[in-house]
């Protein structure tokens, strides 16, 4: 139901958003992962 898509920085790092588990533990804000 979301539109999170990878964003790639000029240094090649990748950012991608997910929803947290346990469900709602972060007020349904999710997490922005960094690779």
ModelCIF file with pLDDT and N, C-alpha, C, O atoms, coordinates in Angstrom:
data_MODEL
#
_entry.id   MODEL 
#
_entity.id                         1 
_entity.type                       polymer 
_entity.pdbx_number_of_molecules   1 
#
_entity_poly.entity_id                      1 
_entity_poly.type                           'polypeptide(L)' 
_entity_poly.nstd_linkage                   no 
_entity_poly.nstd_monomer                   no 
_entity_poly.pdbx_seq_one_letter_code       
;(UNK)(UNK)(UNK)(UNK)(UNK)(UNK)(UNK)(UNK)(UNK)(UNK)(UNK)(UNK)(UNK)(UNK)(UNK)(UNK)
(UNK)(UNK)(UNK)(UNK)(UNK)(UNK)(UNK)(UNK)(UNK)(UNK)(UNK)(UNK)(UNK)(UNK)(UNK)(UNK)
(UNK)(UNK)(UNK)
;
_entity_poly.pdbx_seq_one_letter_code_can   XXXXXXXXXXXXXXXXXXXXXXXXXXXXXXXXXXX 
_entity_poly.pdbx_strand_id                 A 
#
loop_
_entity_poly_seq.entity_id 
_entity_poly_seq.num 
_entity_poly_seq.mon_id 
_entity_poly_seq.hetero 
1 1  UNK n 
1 2  UNK n 
1 3  UNK n 
1 4  UNK n 
1 5  UNK n 
1 6  UNK n 
1 7  UNK n 
1 8  UNK n 
1 9  UNK n 
1 10 UNK n 
1 11 UNK n 
1 12 UNK n 
1 13 UNK n 
1 14 UNK n 
1 15 UNK n 
1 16 UNK n 
1 17 UNK n 
1 18 UNK n 
1 19 UNK n 
1 20 UNK n 
1 21 UNK n 
1 22 UNK n 
1 23 UNK n 
1 24 UNK n 
1 25 UNK n 
1 26 UNK n 
1 27 UNK n 
1 28 UNK n 
1 29 UNK n 
1 30 UNK n 
1 31 UNK n 
1 32 UNK n 
1 33 UNK n 
1 34 UNK n 
1 35 UNK n 
#
_struct_asym.id          A 
_struct_asym.entity_id   1 
#
loop_
_ma_qa_metric.id 
_ma_qa_metric.mode 
_ma_qa_metric.name 
_ma_qa_metric.software_group_id 
_ma_qa_metric.type 
1 global pLDDT . pLDDT 
2 local  pLDDT . pLDDT 
#
_ma_qa_metric_global.metric_id      1 
_ma_qa_metric_global.metric_value   97.34 
_ma_qa_metric_global.model_id       1 
_ma_qa_metric_global.ordinal_id     1 
#
loop_
_ma_qa_metric_local.label_asym_id 
_ma_qa_metric_local.label_comp_id 
_ma_qa_metric_local.label_seq_id 
_ma_qa_metric_local.metric_id 
_ma_qa_metric_local.metric_value 
_ma_qa_metric_local.model_id 
_ma_qa_metric_local.ordinal_id 
A UNK 1  2 98.00 1 1  
A UNK 2  2 97.00 1 2  
A UNK 3  2 98.00 1 3  
A UNK 4  2 98.00 1 4  
A UNK 5  2 98.00 1 5  
A UNK 6  2 98.00 1 6  
A UNK 7  2 98.00 1 7  
A UNK 8  2 98.00 1 8  
A UNK 9  2 98.00 1 9  
A UNK 10 2 97.00 1 10 
A UNK 11 2 98.00 1 11 
A UNK 12 2 98.00 1 12 
A UNK 13 2 98.00 1 13 
A UNK 14 2 98.00 1 14 
A UNK 15 2 98.00 1 15 
A UNK 16 2 98.00 1 16 
A UNK 17 2 98.00 1 17 
A UNK 18 2 98.00 1 18 
A UNK 19 2 98.00 1 19 
A UNK 20 2 97.00 1 20 
A UNK 21 2 97.00 1 21 
A UNK 22 2 96.00 1 22 
A UNK 23 2 93.00 1 23 
A UNK 24 2 94.00 1 24 
A UNK 25 2 95.00 1 25 
A UNK 26 2 96.00 1 26 
A UNK 27 2 97.00 1 27 
A UNK 28 2 97.00 1 28 
A UNK 29 2 97.00 1 29 
A UNK 30 2 98.00 1 30 
A UNK 31 2 98.00 1 31 
A UNK 32 2 98.00 1 32 
A UNK 33 2 98.00 1 33 
A UNK 34 2 98.00 1 34 
A UNK 35 2 98.00 1 35 
#
loop_
_atom_site.group_PDB 
_atom_site.id 
_atom_site.type_symbol 
_atom_site.label_atom_id 
_atom_site.label_alt_id 
_atom_site.label_comp_id 
_atom_site.label_asym_id 
_atom_site.label_entity_id 
_atom_site.label_seq_id 
_atom_site.pdbx_PDB_ins_code 
_atom_site.Cartn_x 
_atom_site.Cartn_y 
_atom_site.Cartn_z 
_atom_site.occupancy 
_atom_site.B_iso_or_equiv 
_atom_site.pdbx_formal_charge 
_atom_site.auth_seq_id 
_atom_site.auth_comp_id 
_atom_site.auth_asym_id 
_atom_site.auth_atom_id 
_atom_site.pdbx_PDB_model_num 
ATOM 1   N N  . UNK A 1 1  ? 0.808  -1.208 0.000  1.00 98.00 ? 1  UNK A N  1 
ATOM 2   C CA . UNK A 1 1  ? 0.000  0.000  0.000  1.00 98.00 ? 1  UNK A CA 1 
ATOM 3   C C  . UNK A 1 1  ? 0.847  1.266  0.000  1.00 98.00 ? 1  UNK A C  1 
ATOM 4   O O  . UNK A 1 1  ? 0.309  2.370  -0.084 1.00 98.00 ? 1  UNK A O  1 
ATOM 5   N N  . UNK A 1 2  ? 2.163  1.119  0.093  1.00 97.00 ? 2  UNK A N  1 
ATOM 6   C CA . UNK A 1 2  ? 3.041  2.278  0.087  1.00 97.00 ? 2  UNK A CA 1 
ATOM 7   C C  . UNK A 1 2  ? 3.662  2.509  -1.277 1.00 97.00 ? 2  UNK A C  1 
ATOM 8   O O  . UNK A 1 2  ? 3.384  1.786  -2.234 1.00 97.00 ? 2  UNK A O  1 
ATOM 9   N N  . UNK A 1 3  ? 4.512  3.535  -1.352 1.00 98.00 ? 3  UNK A N  1 
ATOM 10  C CA . UNK A 1 3  ? 5.208  3.857  -2.598 1.00 98.00 ? 3  UNK A CA 1 
ATOM 11  C C  . UNK A 1 3  ? 6.719  3.926  -2.385 1.00 98.00 ? 3  UNK A C  1 
ATOM 12  O O  . UNK A 1 3  ? 7.436  4.489  -3.213 1.00 98.00 ? 3  UNK A O  1 
ATOM 13  N N  . UNK A 1 4  ? 7.211  3.357  -1.277 1.00 98.00 ? 4  UNK A N  1 
ATOM 14  C CA . UNK A 1 4  ? 8.642  3.389  -1.023 1.00 98.00 ? 4  UNK A CA 1 
ATOM 15  C C  . UNK A 1 4  ? 9.389  2.727  -2.177 1.00 98.00 ? 4  UNK A C  1 
ATOM 16  O O  . UNK A 1 4  ? 9.118  1.581  -2.534 1.00 98.00 ? 4  UNK A O  1 
ATOM 17  N N  . UNK A 1 5  ? 10.319 3.460  -2.745 1.00 98.00 ? 5  UNK A N  1 
ATOM 18  C CA . UNK A 1 5  ? 11.195 2.966  -3.797 1.00 98.00 ? 5  UNK A CA 1 
ATOM 19  C C  . UNK A 1 5  ? 12.624 3.281  -3.407 1.00 98.00 ? 5  UNK A C  1 
ATOM 20  O O  . UNK A 1 5  ? 12.850 4.237  -2.665 1.00 98.00 ? 5  UNK A O  1 
ATOM 21  N N  . UNK A 1 6  ? 13.599 2.517  -3.876 1.00 98.00 ? 6  UNK A N  1 
ATOM 22  C CA . UNK A 1 6  ? 14.980 2.832  -3.528 1.00 98.00 ? 6  UNK A CA 1 
ATOM 23  C C  . UNK A 1 6  ? 15.386 4.209  -4.048 1.00 98.00 ? 6  UNK A C  1 
ATOM 24  O O  . UNK A 1 6  ? 15.060 4.583  -5.174 1.00 98.00 ? 6  UNK A O  1 
ATOM 25  N N  . UNK A 1 7  ? 16.097 4.948  -3.214 1.00 98.00 ? 7  UNK A N  1 
ATOM 26  C CA . UNK A 1 7  ? 16.764 6.178  -3.639 1.00 98.00 ? 7  UNK A CA 1 
ATOM 27  C C  . UNK A 1 7  ? 18.256 5.924  -3.543 1.00 98.00 ? 7  UNK A C  1 
ATOM 28  O O  . UNK A 1 7  ? 18.737 5.383  -2.547 1.00 98.00 ? 7  UNK A O  1 
ATOM 29  N N  . UNK A 1 8  ? 18.996 6.318  -4.587 1.00 98.00 ? 8  UNK A N  1 
ATOM 30  C CA . UNK A 1 8  ? 20.427 6.044  -4.639 1.00 98.00 ? 8  UNK A CA 1 
ATOM 31  C C  . UNK A 1 8  ? 21.200 7.358  -4.612 1.00 98.00 ? 8  UNK A C  1 
ATOM 32  O O  . UNK A 1 8  ? 20.959 8.241  -5.435 1.00 98.00 ? 8  UNK A O  1 
ATOM 33  N N  . UNK A 1 9  ? 22.133 7.486  -3.660 1.00 98.00 ? 9  UNK A N  1 
ATOM 34  C CA . UNK A 1 9  ? 22.937 8.683  -3.540 1.00 98.00 ? 9  UNK A CA 1 
ATOM 35  C C  . UNK A 1 9  ? 24.067 8.708  -4.555 1.00 98.00 ? 9  UNK A C  1 
ATOM 36  O O  . UNK A 1 9  ? 24.342 7.707  -5.218 1.00 98.00 ? 9  UNK A O  1 
ATOM 37  N N  . UNK A 1 10 ? 24.716 9.853  -4.671 1.00 97.00 ? 10 UNK A N  1 
ATOM 38  C CA . UNK A 1 10 ? 25.804 10.009 -5.638 1.00 97.00 ? 10 UNK A CA 1 
ATOM 39  C C  . UNK A 1 10 ? 26.993 9.108  -5.329 1.00 97.00 ? 10 UNK A C  1 
ATOM 40  O O  . UNK A 1 10 ? 27.799 8.827  -6.216 1.00 97.00 ? 10 UNK A O  1 
ATOM 41  N N  . UNK A 1 11 ? 27.115 8.654  -4.089 1.00 98.00 ? 11 UNK A N  1 
ATOM 42  C CA . UNK A 1 11 ? 28.190 7.730  -3.704 1.00 98.00 ? 11 UNK A CA 1 
ATOM 43  C C  . UNK A 1 11 ? 27.788 6.273  -3.856 1.00 98.00 ? 11 UNK A C  1 
ATOM 44  O O  . UNK A 1 11 ? 28.565 5.377  -3.526 1.00 98.00 ? 11 UNK A O  1 
ATOM 45  N N  . UNK A 1 12 ? 26.583 6.030  -4.351 1.00 98.00 ? 12 UNK A N  1 
ATOM 46  C CA . UNK A 1 12 ? 26.105 4.673  -4.565 1.00 98.00 ? 12 UNK A CA 1 
ATOM 47  C C  . UNK A 1 12 ? 25.336 4.083  -3.411 1.00 98.00 ? 12 UNK A C  1 
ATOM 48  O O  . UNK A 1 12 ? 24.821 2.971  -3.532 1.00 98.00 ? 12 UNK A O  1 
ATOM 49  N N  . UNK A 1 13 ? 25.235 4.792  -2.275 1.00 98.00 ? 13 UNK A N  1 
ATOM 50  C CA . UNK A 1 13 ? 24.455 4.280  -1.146 1.00 98.00 ? 13 UNK A CA 1 
ATOM 51  C C  . UNK A 1 13 ? 22.979 4.197  -1.522 1.00 98.00 ? 13 UNK A C  1 
ATOM 52  O O  . UNK A 1 13 ? 22.477 4.989  -2.320 1.00 98.00 ? 13 UNK A O  1 
ATOM 53  N N  . UNK A 1 14 ? 22.298 3.218  -0.927 1.00 98.00 ? 14 UNK A N  1 
ATOM 54  C CA . UNK A 1 14 ? 20.906 2.944  -1.251 1.00 98.00 ? 14 UNK A CA 1 
ATOM 55  C C  . UNK A 1 14 ? 20.055 3.131  0.002  1.00 98.00 ? 14 UNK A C  1 
ATOM 56  O O  . UNK A 1 14 ? 20.406 2.646  1.077  1.00 98.00 ? 14 UNK A O  1 
ATOM 57  N N  . UNK A 1 15 ? 18.925 3.845  -0.145 1.00 98.00 ? 15 UNK A N  1 
ATOM 58  C CA . UNK A 1 15 ? 18.002 4.103  0.966  1.00 98.00 ? 15 UNK A CA 1 
ATOM 59  C C  . UNK A 1 15 ? 16.639 3.538  0.593  1.00 98.00 ? 15 UNK A C  1 
ATOM 60  O O  . UNK A 1 15 ? 16.151 3.742  -0.519 1.00 98.00 ? 15 UNK A O  1 
ATOM 61  N N  . UNK A 1 16 ? 16.022 2.814  1.550  1.00 98.00 ? 16 UNK A N  1 
ATOM 62  C CA . UNK A 1 16 ? 14.735 2.183  1.256  1.00 98.00 ? 16 UNK A CA 1 
ATOM 63  C C  . UNK A 1 16 ? 13.903 2.094  2.527  1.00 98.00 ? 16 UNK A C  1 
ATOM 64  O O  . UNK A 1 16 ? 14.405 1.694  3.577  1.00 98.00 ? 16 UNK A O  1 
ATOM 65  N N  . UNK A 1 17 ? 12.621 2.470  2.429  1.00 98.00 ? 17 UNK A N  1 
ATOM 66  C CA . UNK A 1 17 ? 11.732 2.511  3.576  1.00 98.00 ? 17 UNK A CA 1 
ATOM 67  C C  . UNK A 1 17 ? 10.894 1.259  3.745  1.00 98.00 ? 17 UNK A C  1 
ATOM 68  O O  . UNK A 1 17 ? 10.402 0.696  2.767  1.00 98.00 ? 17 UNK A O  1 
ATOM 69  N N  . UNK A 1 18 ? 10.731 0.820  4.997  1.00 98.00 ? 18 UNK A N  1 
ATOM 70  C CA . UNK A 1 18 ? 9.903  -0.342 5.337  1.00 98.00 ? 18 UNK A CA 1 
ATOM 71  C C  . UNK A 1 18 ? 9.055  0.012  6.559  1.00 98.00 ? 18 UNK A C  1 
ATOM 72  O O  . UNK A 1 18 ? 9.290  1.024  7.220  1.00 98.00 ? 18 UNK A O  1 
ATOM 73  N N  . UNK A 1 19 ? 8.073  -0.829 6.848  1.00 98.00 ? 19 UNK A N  1 
ATOM 74  C CA . UNK A 1 19 ? 7.292  -0.674 8.077  1.00 98.00 ? 19 UNK A CA 1 
ATOM 75  C C  . UNK A 1 19 ? 7.897  -1.537 9.183  1.00 98.00 ? 19 UNK A C  1 
ATOM 76  O O  . UNK A 1 19 ? 8.437  -2.614 8.932  1.00 98.00 ? 19 UNK A O  1 
ATOM 77  N N  . UNK A 1 20 ? 7.794  -1.040 10.399 1.00 97.00 ? 20 UNK A N  1 
ATOM 78  C CA . UNK A 1 20 ? 8.465  -1.678 11.530 1.00 97.00 ? 20 UNK A CA 1 
ATOM 79  C C  . UNK A 1 20 ? 7.753  -2.947 11.992 1.00 97.00 ? 20 UNK A C  1 
ATOM 80  O O  . UNK A 1 20 ? 6.567  -3.150 11.732 1.00 97.00 ? 20 UNK A O  1 
ATOM 81  N N  . UNK A 1 21 ? 8.506  -3.781 12.677 1.00 97.00 ? 21 UNK A N  1 
ATOM 82  C CA . UNK A 1 21 ? 7.980  -4.938 13.399 1.00 97.00 ? 21 UNK A CA 1 
ATOM 83  C C  . UNK A 1 21 ? 8.625  -4.944 14.790 1.00 97.00 ? 21 UNK A C  1 
ATOM 84  O O  . UNK A 1 21 ? 9.844  -4.790 14.876 1.00 97.00 ? 21 UNK A O  1 
ATOM 85  N N  . UNK A 1 22 ? 7.882  -5.111 15.863 1.00 96.00 ? 22 UNK A N  1 
ATOM 86  C CA . UNK A 1 22 ? 6.450  -5.379 15.903 1.00 96.00 ? 22 UNK A CA 1 
ATOM 87  C C  . UNK A 1 22 ? 5.627  -4.231 15.287 1.00 96.00 ? 22 UNK A C  1 
ATOM 88  O O  . UNK A 1 22 ? 6.017  -3.063 15.291 1.00 96.00 ? 22 UNK A O  1 
ATOM 89  N N  . UNK A 1 23 ? 4.510  -4.628 14.780 1.00 93.00 ? 23 UNK A N  1 
ATOM 90  C CA . UNK A 1 23 ? 3.603  -3.733 14.080 1.00 93.00 ? 23 UNK A CA 1 
ATOM 91  C C  . UNK A 1 23 ? 3.211  -2.559 14.974 1.00 93.00 ? 23 UNK A C  1 
ATOM 92  O O  . UNK A 1 23 ? 2.654  -2.758 16.053 1.00 93.00 ? 23 UNK A O  1 
ATOM 93  N N  . UNK A 1 24 ? 3.500  -1.343 14.531 1.00 94.00 ? 24 UNK A N  1 
ATOM 94  C CA . UNK A 1 24 ? 3.125  -0.142 15.266 1.00 94.00 ? 24 UNK A CA 1 
ATOM 95  C C  . UNK A 1 24 ? 4.092  0.279  16.342 1.00 94.00 ? 24 UNK A C  1 
ATOM 96  O O  . UNK A 1 24 ? 3.844  1.261  17.041 1.00 94.00 ? 24 UNK A O  1 
ATOM 97  N N  . UNK A 1 25 ? 5.203  -0.448 16.496 1.00 95.00 ? 25 UNK A N  1 
ATOM 98  C CA . UNK A 1 25 ? 6.153  -0.126 17.569 1.00 95.00 ? 25 UNK A CA 1 
ATOM 99  C C  . UNK A 1 25 ? 6.802  1.249  17.384 1.00 95.00 ? 25 UNK A C  1 
ATOM 100 O O  . UNK A 1 25 ? 7.303  1.835  18.343 1.00 95.00 ? 25 UNK A O  1 
ATOM 101 N N  . UNK A 1 26 ? 6.792  1.752  16.169 1.00 96.00 ? 26 UNK A N  1 
ATOM 102 C CA . UNK A 1 26 ? 7.358  3.072  15.888 1.00 96.00 ? 26 UNK A CA 1 
ATOM 103 C C  . UNK A 1 26 ? 6.292  4.038  15.392 1.00 96.00 ? 26 UNK A C  1 
ATOM 104 O O  . UNK A 1 26 ? 6.551  4.898  14.550 1.00 96.00 ? 26 UNK A O  1 
ATOM 105 N N  . UNK A 1 27 ? 5.070  3.876  15.940 1.00 97.00 ? 27 UNK A N  1 
ATOM 106 C CA . UNK A 1 27 ? 3.930  4.737  15.581 1.00 97.00 ? 27 UNK A CA 1 
ATOM 107 C C  . UNK A 1 27 ? 3.604  4.640  14.094 1.00 97.00 ? 27 UNK A C  1 
ATOM 108 O O  . UNK A 1 27 ? 3.116  5.600  13.497 1.00 97.00 ? 27 UNK A O  1 
ATOM 109 N N  . UNK A 1 28 ? 3.871  3.490  13.504 1.00 97.00 ? 28 UNK A N  1 
ATOM 110 C CA . UNK A 1 28 ? 3.632  3.250  12.071 1.00 97.00 ? 28 UNK A CA 1 
ATOM 111 C C  . UNK A 1 28 ? 4.420  4.217  11.195 1.00 97.00 ? 28 UNK A C  1 
ATOM 112 O O  . UNK A 1 28 ? 4.020  4.515  10.070 1.00 97.00 ? 28 UNK A O  1 
ATOM 113 N N  . UNK A 1 29 ? 5.526  4.698  11.711 1.00 97.00 ? 29 UNK A N  1 
ATOM 114 C CA . UNK A 1 29 ? 6.391  5.562  10.911 1.00 97.00 ? 29 UNK A CA 1 
ATOM 115 C C  . UNK A 1 29 ? 7.345  4.752  10.048 1.00 97.00 ? 29 UNK A C  1 
ATOM 116 O O  . UNK A 1 29 ? 7.909  5.282  9.091  1.00 97.00 ? 29 UNK A O  1 
ATOM 117 N N  . UNK A 1 30 ? 7.533  3.484  10.368 1.00 98.00 ? 30 UNK A N  1 
ATOM 118 C CA . UNK A 1 30 ? 8.460  2.655  9.626  1.00 98.00 ? 30 UNK A CA 1 
ATOM 119 C C  . UNK A 1 30 ? 9.909  2.998  9.928  1.00 98.00 ? 30 UNK A C  1 
ATOM 120 O O  . UNK A 1 30 ? 10.203 3.727  10.876 1.00 98.00 ? 30 UNK A O  1 
ATOM 121 N N  . UNK A 1 31 ? 10.809 2.469  9.114  1.00 98.00 ? 31 UNK A N  1 
ATOM 122 C CA . UNK A 1 31 ? 12.249 2.733  9.235  1.00 98.00 ? 31 UNK A CA 1 
ATOM 123 C C  . UNK A 1 31 ? 12.794 3.006  7.841  1.00 98.00 ? 31 UNK A C  1 
ATOM 124 O O  . UNK A 1 31 ? 12.377 2.375  6.870  1.00 98.00 ? 31 UNK A O  1 
ATOM 125 N N  . UNK A 1 32 ? 13.714 3.936  7.747  1.00 98.00 ? 32 UNK A N  1 
ATOM 126 C CA . UNK A 1 32 ? 14.420 4.185  6.499  1.00 98.00 ? 32 UNK A CA 1 
ATOM 127 C C  . UNK A 1 32 ? 15.761 3.479  6.574  1.00 98.00 ? 32 UNK A C  1 
ATOM 128 O O  . UNK A 1 32 ? 16.656 3.909  7.302  1.00 98.00 ? 32 UNK A O  1 
ATOM 129 N N  . UNK A 1 33 ? 15.903 2.389  5.817  1.00 98.00 ? 33 UNK A N  1 
ATOM 130 C CA . UNK A 1 33 ? 17.107 1.577  5.867  1.00 98.00 ? 33 UNK A CA 1 
ATOM 131 C C  . UNK A 1 33 ? 18.185 2.168  4.955  1.00 98.00 ? 33 UNK A C  1 
ATOM 132 O O  . UNK A 1 33 ? 17.884 2.802  3.943  1.00 98.00 ? 33 UNK A O  1 
ATOM 133 N N  . UNK A 1 34 ? 19.440 1.949  5.333  1.00 98.00 ? 34 UNK A N  1 
ATOM 134 C CA . UNK A 1 34 ? 20.590 2.537  4.639  1.00 98.00 ? 34 UNK A CA 1 
ATOM 135 C C  . UNK A 1 34 ? 21.586 1.425  4.329  1.00 98.00 ? 34 UNK A C  1 
ATOM 136 O O  . UNK A 1 34 ? 22.007 0.686  5.219  1.00 98.00 ? 34 UNK A O  1 
ATOM 137 N N  . UNK A 1 35 ? 21.960 1.314  3.035  1.00 98.00 ? 35 UNK A N  1 
ATOM 138 C CA . UNK A 1 35 ? 22.891 0.290  2.593  1.00 98.00 ? 35 UNK A CA 1 
ATOM 139 C C  . UNK A 1 35 ? 23.969 0.919  1.709  1.00 98.00 ? 35 UNK A C  1 
ATOM 140 O O  . UNK A 1 35 ? 24.860 0.218  1.229  1.00 98.00 ? 35 UNK A O  1 
#
